[in-house]
């Protein structure tokens, strides 16, 4: 498994922006961001293949951008136009196949970073 460590979370007002980073100890074909709000299931936010093909949840399309820098095994999530519904713990994940926004496809997970958006 690859070790993952997220950073960049925080508290912002609605309409603001945050950039999440995830440092990985190695590379995997697929890396993604998931989030989990209190009392809700973990859901996929965005994923990206090693070739740079992204996939987004409908709820974040046009607002979030996922990117990865393979040279130093770093994953990013630029989040713009944040709203209170984006409040959650955000997790970085890595997998070897599929790259869909399905938690079952990812075998390595970070500890998470909290994002809180106030209205």
C-alpha atoms as a PDB file:
ATOM      1  CA  UNK A   1       0.000   0.000   0.000  1.00  0.00           C
ATOM      2  CA  UNK A   2       0.979   3.597  -0.485  1.00  0.00           C
ATOM      3  CA  UNK A   3       0.972   6.064   2.406  1.00  0.00           C
ATOM      4  CA  UNK A   4      -1.049   9.229   1.885  1.00  0.00           C
ATOM      5  CA  UNK A   5      -1.089  12.478   3.827  1.00  0.00           C
ATOM      6  CA  UNK A   6      -3.552  15.288   3.169  1.00  0.00           C
ATOM      7  CA  UNK A   7      -3.124  18.965   3.966  1.00  0.00           C
ATOM      8  CA  UNK A   8      -4.757  22.275   3.143  1.00  0.00           C
ATOM      9  CA  UNK A   9      -8.123  21.998   4.834  1.00  0.00           C
ATOM     10  CA  UNK A  10      -9.593  24.813   6.874  1.00  0.00           C
ATOM     11  CA  UNK A  11     -12.549  27.092   7.434  1.00  0.00           C
ATOM     12  CA  UNK A  12     -13.805  29.480   4.783  1.00  0.00           C
ATOM     13  CA  UNK A  13     -16.907  31.479   4.030  1.00  0.00           C
ATOM     14  CA  UNK A  14     -19.262  30.553   1.237  1.00  0.00           C
ATOM     15  CA  UNK A  15     -17.851  31.584  -2.119  1.00  0.00           C
ATOM     16  CA  UNK A  16     -14.286  31.118  -0.961  1.00  0.00           C
ATOM     17  CA  UNK A  17     -11.567  28.780  -2.158  1.00  0.00           C
ATOM     18  CA  UNK A  18      -9.237  26.164  -0.723  1.00  0.00           C
ATOM     19  CA  UNK A  19      -6.536  23.980  -2.204  1.00  0.00           C
ATOM     20  CA  UNK A  20      -6.030  20.505  -0.812  1.00  0.00           C
ATOM     21  CA  UNK A  21      -2.797  18.595  -1.262  1.00  0.00           C
ATOM     22  CA  UNK A  22      -1.998  14.930  -0.812  1.00  0.00           C
ATOM     23  CA  UNK A  23       1.555  13.652  -0.531  1.00  0.00           C
ATOM     24  CA  UNK A  24       1.947  10.009  -1.522  1.00  0.00           C
ATOM     25  CA  UNK A  25       4.819   7.649  -0.746  1.00  0.00           C
ATOM     26  CA  UNK A  26       4.497   6.085  -4.189  1.00  0.00           C
ATOM     27  CA  UNK A  27       2.536   6.247  -7.393  1.00  0.00           C
ATOM     28  CA  UNK A  28      -0.671   4.487  -8.315  1.00  0.00           C
ATOM     29  CA  UNK A  29      -2.678   4.426 -11.537  1.00  0.00           C
ATOM     30  CA  UNK A  30      -5.644   6.163  -9.989  1.00  0.00           C
ATOM     31  CA  UNK A  31      -5.824   8.768  -7.256  1.00  0.00           C
ATOM     32  CA  UNK A  32      -8.911  10.443  -5.961  1.00  0.00           C
ATOM     33  CA  UNK A  33     -10.576  12.678  -3.423  1.00  0.00           C
ATOM     34  CA  UNK A  34     -13.508  11.559  -1.344  1.00  0.00           C
ATOM     35  CA  UNK A  35     -15.437  13.320   1.386  1.00  0.00           C
ATOM     36  CA  UNK A  36     -17.607  12.368   4.301  1.00  0.00           C
ATOM     37  CA  UNK A  37     -19.954  14.638   6.190  1.00  0.00           C
ATOM     38  CA  UNK A  38     -21.258  13.714   9.665  1.00  0.00           C
ATOM     39  CA  UNK A  39     -23.974  11.097   9.420  1.00  0.00           C
ATOM     40  CA  UNK A  40     -23.426  10.540   5.712  1.00  0.00           C
ATOM     41  CA  UNK A  41     -21.645   7.937   3.639  1.00  0.00           C
ATOM     42  CA  UNK A  42     -18.272   8.630   2.108  1.00  0.00           C
ATOM     43  CA  UNK A  43     -18.728   9.933  -1.420  1.00  0.00           C
ATOM     44  CA  UNK A  44     -16.433  10.430  -4.362  1.00  0.00           C
ATOM     45  CA  UNK A  45     -15.503  13.970  -5.316  1.00  0.00           C
ATOM     46  CA  UNK A  46     -12.951  13.622  -8.092  1.00  0.00           C
ATOM     47  CA  UNK A  47     -10.419  11.154  -9.452  1.00  0.00           C
ATOM     48  CA  UNK A  48      -7.581  11.254 -11.938  1.00  0.00           C
ATOM     49  CA  UNK A  49      -5.549   8.646 -13.781  1.00  0.00           C
ATOM     50  CA  UNK A  50      -1.784   8.626 -14.037  1.00  0.00           C
ATOM     51  CA  UNK A  51      -2.275   9.948 -17.567  1.00  0.00           C
ATOM     52  CA  UNK A  52      -4.199  12.948 -16.289  1.00  0.00           C
ATOM     53  CA  UNK A  53      -7.782  12.021 -17.178  1.00  0.00           C
ATOM     54  CA  UNK A  54     -10.112  13.508 -14.563  1.00  0.00           C
ATOM     55  CA  UNK A  55     -13.563  12.508 -13.397  1.00  0.00           C
ATOM     56  CA  UNK A  56     -15.862  14.607 -11.186  1.00  0.00           C
ATOM     57  CA  UNK A  57     -18.979  14.183  -9.156  1.00  0.00           C
ATOM     58  CA  UNK A  58     -21.846  16.224 -10.595  1.00  0.00           C
ATOM     59  CA  UNK A  59     -22.032  18.290  -7.422  1.00  0.00           C
ATOM     60  CA  UNK A  60     -18.542  19.728  -7.921  1.00  0.00           C
ATOM     61  CA  UNK A  61     -18.239  20.006 -11.694  1.00  0.00           C
ATOM     62  CA  UNK A  62     -17.191  23.481 -12.732  1.00  0.00           C
ATOM     63  CA  UNK A  63     -16.062  24.369  -9.199  1.00  0.00           C
ATOM     64  CA  UNK A  64     -13.370  21.824  -8.308  1.00  0.00           C
ATOM     65  CA  UNK A  65     -10.266  20.859 -10.263  1.00  0.00           C
ATOM     66  CA  UNK A  66      -8.199  17.773  -9.584  1.00  0.00           C
ATOM     67  CA  UNK A  67      -4.589  17.537 -10.690  1.00  0.00           C
ATOM     68  CA  UNK A  68      -1.549  15.437  -9.966  1.00  0.00           C
ATOM     69  CA  UNK A  69       2.181  15.916 -10.251  1.00  0.00           C
ATOM     70  CA  UNK A  70       3.650  12.488 -10.897  1.00  0.00           C
ATOM     71  CA  UNK A  71       7.258  13.596 -10.464  1.00  0.00           C
ATOM     72  CA  UNK A  72       6.776  14.029  -6.718  1.00  0.00           C
ATOM     73  CA  UNK A  73       3.676  11.883  -6.208  1.00  0.00           C
ATOM     74  CA  UNK A  74       1.430  14.768  -5.187  1.00  0.00           C
ATOM     75  CA  UNK A  75      -2.296  15.098  -5.720  1.00  0.00           C
ATOM     76  CA  UNK A  76      -4.201  18.374  -5.570  1.00  0.00           C
ATOM     77  CA  UNK A  77      -7.794  19.514  -5.360  1.00  0.00           C
ATOM     78  CA  UNK A  78      -8.530  23.149  -6.122  1.00  0.00           C
ATOM     79  CA  UNK A  79     -11.920  24.011  -4.683  1.00  0.00           C
ATOM     80  CA  UNK A  80     -13.629  27.229  -5.740  1.00  0.00           C
ATOM     81  CA  UNK A  81     -17.068  28.689  -5.076  1.00  0.00           C
ATOM     82  CA  UNK A  82     -17.365  26.634  -1.921  1.00  0.00           C
ATOM     83  CA  UNK A  83     -20.741  26.350  -0.243  1.00  0.00           C
ATOM     84  CA  UNK A  84     -21.868  24.910   3.107  1.00  0.00           C
ATOM     85  CA  UNK A  85     -22.798  21.598   1.434  1.00  0.00           C
ATOM     86  CA  UNK A  86     -19.082  21.082   0.774  1.00  0.00           C
ATOM     87  CA  UNK A  87     -18.392  20.869   4.498  1.00  0.00           C
ATOM     88  CA  UNK A  88     -16.864  17.453   5.208  1.00  0.00           C
ATOM     89  CA  UNK A  89     -13.731  15.530   5.990  1.00  0.00           C
ATOM     90  CA  UNK A  90     -11.827  15.153   2.739  1.00  0.00           C
ATOM     91  CA  UNK A  91      -9.787  12.020   2.076  1.00  0.00           C
ATOM     92  CA  UNK A  92      -7.118  11.254  -0.458  1.00  0.00           C
ATOM     93  CA  UNK A  93      -7.181   7.735  -1.896  1.00  0.00           C
ATOM     94  CA  UNK A  94      -5.141   5.642  -4.301  1.00  0.00           C
ATOM     95  CA  UNK A  95      -6.025   2.593  -6.358  1.00  0.00           C
ATOM     96  CA  UNK A  96      -4.715   0.462  -9.164  1.00  0.00           C
ATOM     97  CA  UNK A  97      -7.737   0.078 -11.451  1.00  0.00           C
ATOM     98  CA  UNK A  98     -11.054   1.546 -12.463  1.00  0.00           C
ATOM     99  CA  UNK A  99     -10.697   5.153 -11.338  1.00  0.00           C
ATOM    100  CA  UNK A 100     -14.438   5.539 -10.920  1.00  0.00           C
ATOM    101  CA  UNK A 101     -15.722   7.382  -7.860  1.00  0.00           C
ATOM    102  CA  UNK A 102     -16.344   4.165  -5.971  1.00  0.00           C
ATOM    103  CA  UNK A 103     -14.759   3.743  -2.534  1.00  0.00           C
ATOM    104  CA  UNK A 104     -14.367   0.009  -3.155  1.00  0.00           C
ATOM    105  CA  UNK A 105     -11.835   0.611  -5.928  1.00  0.00           C
ATOM    106  CA  UNK A 106      -9.318   2.316  -3.633  1.00  0.00           C
ATOM    107  CA  UNK A 107      -7.025   0.384  -1.316  1.00  0.00           C
ATOM    108  CA  UNK A 108      -4.982   3.191   0.269  1.00  0.00           C
ATOM    109  CA  UNK A 109      -6.438   6.074   2.258  1.00  0.00           C
ATOM    110  CA  UNK A 110      -5.155   9.113   4.070  1.00  0.00           C
ATOM    111  CA  UNK A 111      -6.295  10.305   7.497  1.00  0.00           C
ATOM    112  CA  UNK A 112      -8.334  13.168   6.081  1.00  0.00           C
ATOM    113  CA  UNK A 113      -8.387  16.946   6.299  1.00  0.00           C
ATOM    114  CA  UNK A 114     -11.400  18.932   7.481  1.00  0.00           C
ATOM    115  CA  UNK A 115     -13.091  21.502   5.264  1.00  0.00           C
ATOM    116  CA  UNK A 116     -15.710  23.744   6.849  1.00  0.00           C
ATOM    117  CA  UNK A 117     -17.697  26.268   4.825  1.00  0.00           C
ATOM    118  CA  UNK A 118     -19.840  28.804   6.646  1.00  0.00           C
ATOM    119  CA  UNK A 119     -22.739  30.728   5.131  1.00  0.00           C
END
